[in-house]
């Protein structure tokens, strides 16, 4: 979308952002509703039950011990958070 290219606008960063958002709304007045629906669809793929089902695909439902390894001491996000969450979910089952 060349009309939404930040380099094609002038002004301060907030003015440029306002210009781009205005152009997007002109091109697609329903953009917020569409993006919200897309985000909701993605979020629905990450429930605790779905996570347990995905883990069970690899381990089976009767598995008692799983070794999880990470190279981070603290949970920073991404895979580390997933590993912590998975360990908590599995230990509660």
N, C-alpha and C. Protein backbone atom coordinates (compact mmCIF):
# COMPACT_ATOMS: atom_id res chain seq x y z
N UNK A 1 0.84 -1.18 0.00
CA UNK A 1 0.00 0.00 0.00
C UNK A 1 0.88 1.24 0.00
N UNK A 2 1.23 1.73 -1.15
CA UNK A 2 2.10 2.91 -1.21
C UNK A 2 1.49 4.15 -0.56
N UNK A 3 0.16 4.24 -0.57
CA UNK A 3 -0.48 5.40 0.05
C UNK A 3 -0.35 5.40 1.57
N UNK A 4 0.06 4.27 2.12
CA UNK A 4 0.25 4.16 3.57
C UNK A 4 1.72 4.06 3.95
N UNK A 5 2.59 4.42 3.04
CA UNK A 5 4.02 4.40 3.29
C UNK A 5 4.39 5.59 4.18
N UNK A 6 4.98 5.30 5.32
CA UNK A 6 5.32 6.34 6.28
C UNK A 6 6.27 7.37 5.68
N UNK A 7 7.14 6.95 4.78
CA UNK A 7 8.09 7.90 4.19
C UNK A 7 7.41 8.88 3.23
N UNK A 8 6.16 8.60 2.86
CA UNK A 8 5.47 9.51 1.95
C UNK A 8 4.69 10.60 2.70
N UNK A 9 4.81 10.62 4.02
CA UNK A 9 4.12 11.63 4.82
C UNK A 9 5.13 12.57 5.45
N UNK A 10 4.65 13.74 5.82
CA UNK A 10 5.53 14.71 6.47
C UNK A 10 4.97 15.05 7.84
N UNK A 11 5.76 15.72 8.63
CA UNK A 11 5.34 16.13 9.95
C UNK A 11 6.03 15.32 11.04
N UNK A 12 5.58 15.52 12.25
CA UNK A 12 6.15 14.79 13.39
C UNK A 12 5.69 13.33 13.31
N UNK A 13 6.28 12.50 14.14
CA UNK A 13 5.92 11.07 14.13
C UNK A 13 4.43 10.89 14.42
N UNK A 14 3.89 11.64 15.38
CA UNK A 14 2.46 11.48 15.69
C UNK A 14 1.59 11.99 14.54
N UNK A 15 2.02 13.04 13.85
CA UNK A 15 1.26 13.53 12.70
C UNK A 15 1.31 12.51 11.56
N UNK A 16 2.47 11.90 11.35
CA UNK A 16 2.59 10.88 10.32
C UNK A 16 1.69 9.68 10.63
N UNK A 17 1.70 9.27 11.89
CA UNK A 17 0.86 8.15 12.29
C UNK A 17 -0.62 8.48 12.09
N UNK A 18 -1.01 9.68 12.46
CA UNK A 18 -2.40 10.11 12.27
C UNK A 18 -2.77 10.08 10.78
N UNK A 19 -1.87 10.54 9.94
CA UNK A 19 -2.11 10.55 8.49
C UNK A 19 -2.29 9.13 7.96
N UNK A 20 -1.42 8.22 8.39
CA UNK A 20 -1.50 6.84 7.91
C UNK A 20 -2.80 6.18 8.38
N UNK A 21 -3.16 6.39 9.64
CA UNK A 21 -4.40 5.81 10.16
C UNK A 21 -5.60 6.36 9.41
N UNK A 22 -5.60 7.66 9.14
CA UNK A 22 -6.70 8.27 8.38
C UNK A 22 -6.80 7.67 6.99
N UNK A 23 -5.65 7.47 6.33
CA UNK A 23 -5.66 6.87 5.00
C UNK A 23 -6.17 5.43 5.04
N UNK A 24 -5.75 4.69 6.05
CA UNK A 24 -6.23 3.31 6.18
C UNK A 24 -7.73 3.26 6.36
N UNK A 25 -8.26 4.17 7.18
CA UNK A 25 -9.70 4.20 7.41
C UNK A 25 -10.46 4.60 6.15
N UNK A 26 -9.87 5.46 5.33
CA UNK A 26 -10.51 5.82 4.06
C UNK A 26 -10.54 4.61 3.12
N UNK A 27 -9.44 3.85 3.10
CA UNK A 27 -9.36 2.68 2.22
C UNK A 27 -10.23 1.53 2.70
N UNK A 28 -10.31 1.37 4.02
CA UNK A 28 -11.05 0.25 4.59
C UNK A 28 -11.71 0.70 5.89
N UNK A 29 -12.92 1.24 5.82
CA UNK A 29 -13.59 1.75 7.02
C UNK A 29 -13.83 0.69 8.10
N UNK A 30 -13.84 -0.58 7.72
CA UNK A 30 -14.08 -1.66 8.68
C UNK A 30 -12.80 -2.30 9.18
N UNK A 31 -11.67 -1.63 9.01
CA UNK A 31 -10.38 -2.24 9.33
C UNK A 31 -10.28 -2.67 10.79
N UNK A 32 -10.77 -1.85 11.73
CA UNK A 32 -10.67 -2.21 13.14
C UNK A 32 -11.50 -3.45 13.46
N UNK A 33 -12.69 -3.53 12.91
CA UNK A 33 -13.54 -4.70 13.14
C UNK A 33 -12.90 -5.96 12.56
N UNK A 34 -12.32 -5.83 11.37
CA UNK A 34 -11.69 -6.97 10.72
C UNK A 34 -10.45 -7.43 11.50
N UNK A 35 -9.61 -6.49 11.91
CA UNK A 35 -8.42 -6.84 12.68
C UNK A 35 -8.77 -7.44 14.03
N UNK A 36 -9.84 -6.91 14.65
CA UNK A 36 -10.28 -7.45 15.93
C UNK A 36 -10.74 -8.89 15.76
N UNK A 37 -11.47 -9.17 14.70
CA UNK A 37 -11.94 -10.54 14.45
C UNK A 37 -10.76 -11.46 14.17
N UNK A 38 -9.77 -10.99 13.40
CA UNK A 38 -8.59 -11.81 13.13
C UNK A 38 -7.84 -12.12 14.42
N UNK A 39 -7.68 -11.12 15.29
CA UNK A 39 -6.99 -11.33 16.56
C UNK A 39 -7.77 -12.32 17.44
N UNK A 40 -9.09 -12.21 17.43
CA UNK A 40 -9.92 -13.13 18.21
C UNK A 40 -9.77 -14.55 17.69
N UNK A 41 -9.77 -14.72 16.38
CA UNK A 41 -9.60 -16.05 15.79
C UNK A 41 -8.26 -16.67 16.17
N UNK A 42 -7.22 -15.86 16.17
CA UNK A 42 -5.89 -16.35 16.55
C UNK A 42 -5.88 -16.73 18.03
N UNK A 43 -6.45 -15.87 18.88
CA UNK A 43 -6.44 -16.12 20.32
C UNK A 43 -7.20 -17.38 20.68
N UNK A 44 -8.23 -17.71 19.94
CA UNK A 44 -9.03 -18.91 20.22
C UNK A 44 -8.24 -20.20 19.99
N UNK A 45 -7.11 -20.10 19.30
CA UNK A 45 -6.28 -21.28 19.05
C UNK A 45 -5.35 -21.58 20.22
N UNK A 46 -5.38 -20.78 21.28
CA UNK A 46 -4.41 -20.91 22.36
C UNK A 46 -5.04 -21.09 23.72
N UNK A 47 -6.06 -21.90 23.83
CA UNK A 47 -6.68 -22.17 25.13
C UNK A 47 -5.86 -23.24 25.86
N UNK A 48 -6.09 -23.39 27.16
CA UNK A 48 -5.39 -24.41 27.93
C UNK A 48 -5.70 -25.81 27.39
N UNK A 49 -6.97 -26.05 27.05
CA UNK A 49 -7.35 -27.36 26.54
C UNK A 49 -6.63 -27.68 25.23
N UNK A 50 -6.53 -26.70 24.36
CA UNK A 50 -5.85 -26.92 23.08
C UNK A 50 -4.37 -27.18 23.31
N UNK A 51 -3.77 -26.44 24.26
CA UNK A 51 -2.36 -26.68 24.58
C UNK A 51 -2.15 -28.10 25.09
N UNK A 52 -3.03 -28.54 26.00
CA UNK A 52 -2.91 -29.91 26.52
C UNK A 52 -3.06 -30.94 25.42
N UNK A 53 -3.99 -30.71 24.50
CA UNK A 53 -4.18 -31.63 23.38
C UNK A 53 -2.94 -31.70 22.51
N UNK A 54 -2.31 -30.55 22.25
CA UNK A 54 -1.10 -30.52 21.42
C UNK A 54 0.06 -31.23 22.11
N UNK A 55 0.18 -31.03 23.42
CA UNK A 55 1.24 -31.73 24.16
C UNK A 55 0.97 -33.23 24.16
N UNK A 56 -0.30 -33.61 24.32
CA UNK A 56 -0.66 -35.03 24.34
C UNK A 56 -0.36 -35.72 23.01
N UNK A 57 -0.37 -34.97 21.92
CA UNK A 57 -0.03 -35.56 20.62
C UNK A 57 1.39 -36.12 20.65
N UNK A 58 2.28 -35.49 21.40
CA UNK A 58 3.67 -35.93 21.46
C UNK A 58 3.94 -36.88 22.62
N UNK A 59 3.21 -36.72 23.71
CA UNK A 59 3.54 -37.47 24.91
C UNK A 59 2.55 -38.55 25.27
N UNK A 60 1.34 -38.45 24.77
CA UNK A 60 0.29 -39.35 25.19
C UNK A 60 -0.33 -38.86 26.48
N UNK A 61 -1.53 -39.25 26.75
CA UNK A 61 -2.24 -38.77 27.94
C UNK A 61 -1.68 -39.36 29.24
N UNK A 62 -1.06 -40.53 29.16
CA UNK A 62 -0.63 -41.19 30.39
C UNK A 62 0.82 -40.89 30.75
N UNK A 63 1.46 -40.03 30.02
CA UNK A 63 2.85 -39.70 30.28
C UNK A 63 3.01 -39.03 31.64
N UNK A 64 4.02 -39.45 32.41
CA UNK A 64 4.21 -38.91 33.76
C UNK A 64 5.38 -37.93 33.83
N UNK A 65 6.44 -38.15 33.07
CA UNK A 65 7.62 -37.30 33.16
C UNK A 65 7.97 -36.72 31.81
N UNK A 66 8.20 -35.43 31.81
CA UNK A 66 8.63 -34.74 30.59
C UNK A 66 9.78 -33.83 30.98
N UNK A 67 10.87 -33.90 30.26
CA UNK A 67 12.01 -33.04 30.49
C UNK A 67 11.89 -31.83 29.57
N UNK A 68 11.83 -30.65 30.16
CA UNK A 68 11.77 -29.42 29.38
C UNK A 68 13.05 -28.64 29.65
N UNK A 69 13.70 -28.19 28.58
CA UNK A 69 14.98 -27.51 28.71
C UNK A 69 14.90 -26.16 28.02
N UNK A 70 15.47 -25.15 28.68
CA UNK A 70 15.58 -23.83 28.08
C UNK A 70 16.93 -23.25 28.47
N UNK A 71 17.43 -22.31 27.71
CA UNK A 71 18.72 -21.72 28.03
C UNK A 71 18.58 -20.37 28.75
N UNK A 72 17.37 -20.06 29.21
CA UNK A 72 17.14 -18.82 29.95
C UNK A 72 16.85 -19.14 31.42
N UNK A 73 17.37 -18.32 32.29
CA UNK A 73 17.10 -18.49 33.72
C UNK A 73 15.72 -17.96 34.05
N UNK A 74 15.39 -16.80 33.52
CA UNK A 74 14.10 -16.17 33.77
C UNK A 74 13.16 -16.39 32.59
N UNK A 75 11.88 -16.41 32.90
CA UNK A 75 10.88 -16.51 31.82
C UNK A 75 10.75 -15.13 31.18
N UNK A 76 11.27 -14.97 29.98
CA UNK A 76 11.27 -13.67 29.31
C UNK A 76 10.11 -13.50 28.36
N UNK A 77 9.50 -14.56 27.97
CA UNK A 77 8.43 -14.49 26.97
C UNK A 77 8.70 -15.51 25.89
N UNK A 78 7.81 -15.58 24.94
CA UNK A 78 7.99 -16.51 23.85
C UNK A 78 8.02 -17.95 24.33
N UNK A 79 9.03 -18.69 23.90
CA UNK A 79 9.10 -20.12 24.22
C UNK A 79 9.28 -20.35 25.71
N UNK A 80 9.98 -19.45 26.40
CA UNK A 80 10.18 -19.64 27.83
C UNK A 80 8.84 -19.60 28.56
N UNK A 81 8.00 -18.65 28.21
CA UNK A 81 6.67 -18.55 28.82
C UNK A 81 5.86 -19.79 28.48
N UNK A 82 5.94 -20.24 27.24
CA UNK A 82 5.22 -21.44 26.83
C UNK A 82 5.66 -22.65 27.65
N UNK A 83 6.96 -22.80 27.85
CA UNK A 83 7.48 -23.93 28.62
C UNK A 83 6.98 -23.86 30.05
N UNK A 84 7.05 -22.68 30.66
CA UNK A 84 6.55 -22.52 32.03
C UNK A 84 5.06 -22.84 32.11
N UNK A 85 4.30 -22.31 31.16
CA UNK A 85 2.85 -22.56 31.16
C UNK A 85 2.55 -24.04 30.94
N UNK A 86 3.27 -24.67 30.03
CA UNK A 86 3.04 -26.09 29.76
C UNK A 86 3.37 -26.93 30.99
N UNK A 87 4.46 -26.61 31.67
CA UNK A 87 4.84 -27.34 32.88
C UNK A 87 3.76 -27.18 33.96
N UNK A 88 3.24 -25.97 34.11
CA UNK A 88 2.19 -25.73 35.10
C UNK A 88 0.91 -26.50 34.73
N UNK A 89 0.54 -26.47 33.45
CA UNK A 89 -0.65 -27.19 33.02
C UNK A 89 -0.51 -28.70 33.25
N UNK A 90 0.64 -29.22 32.89
CA UNK A 90 0.84 -30.67 33.01
C UNK A 90 0.88 -31.10 34.48
N UNK A 91 1.48 -30.28 35.32
CA UNK A 91 1.56 -30.67 36.72
C UNK A 91 0.20 -30.61 37.41
N UNK A 92 -0.73 -29.86 36.84
CA UNK A 92 -2.07 -29.77 37.43
C UNK A 92 -2.97 -30.90 36.95
N UNK A 93 -2.54 -31.70 35.99
CA UNK A 93 -3.36 -32.80 35.44
C UNK A 93 -3.13 -34.08 36.17
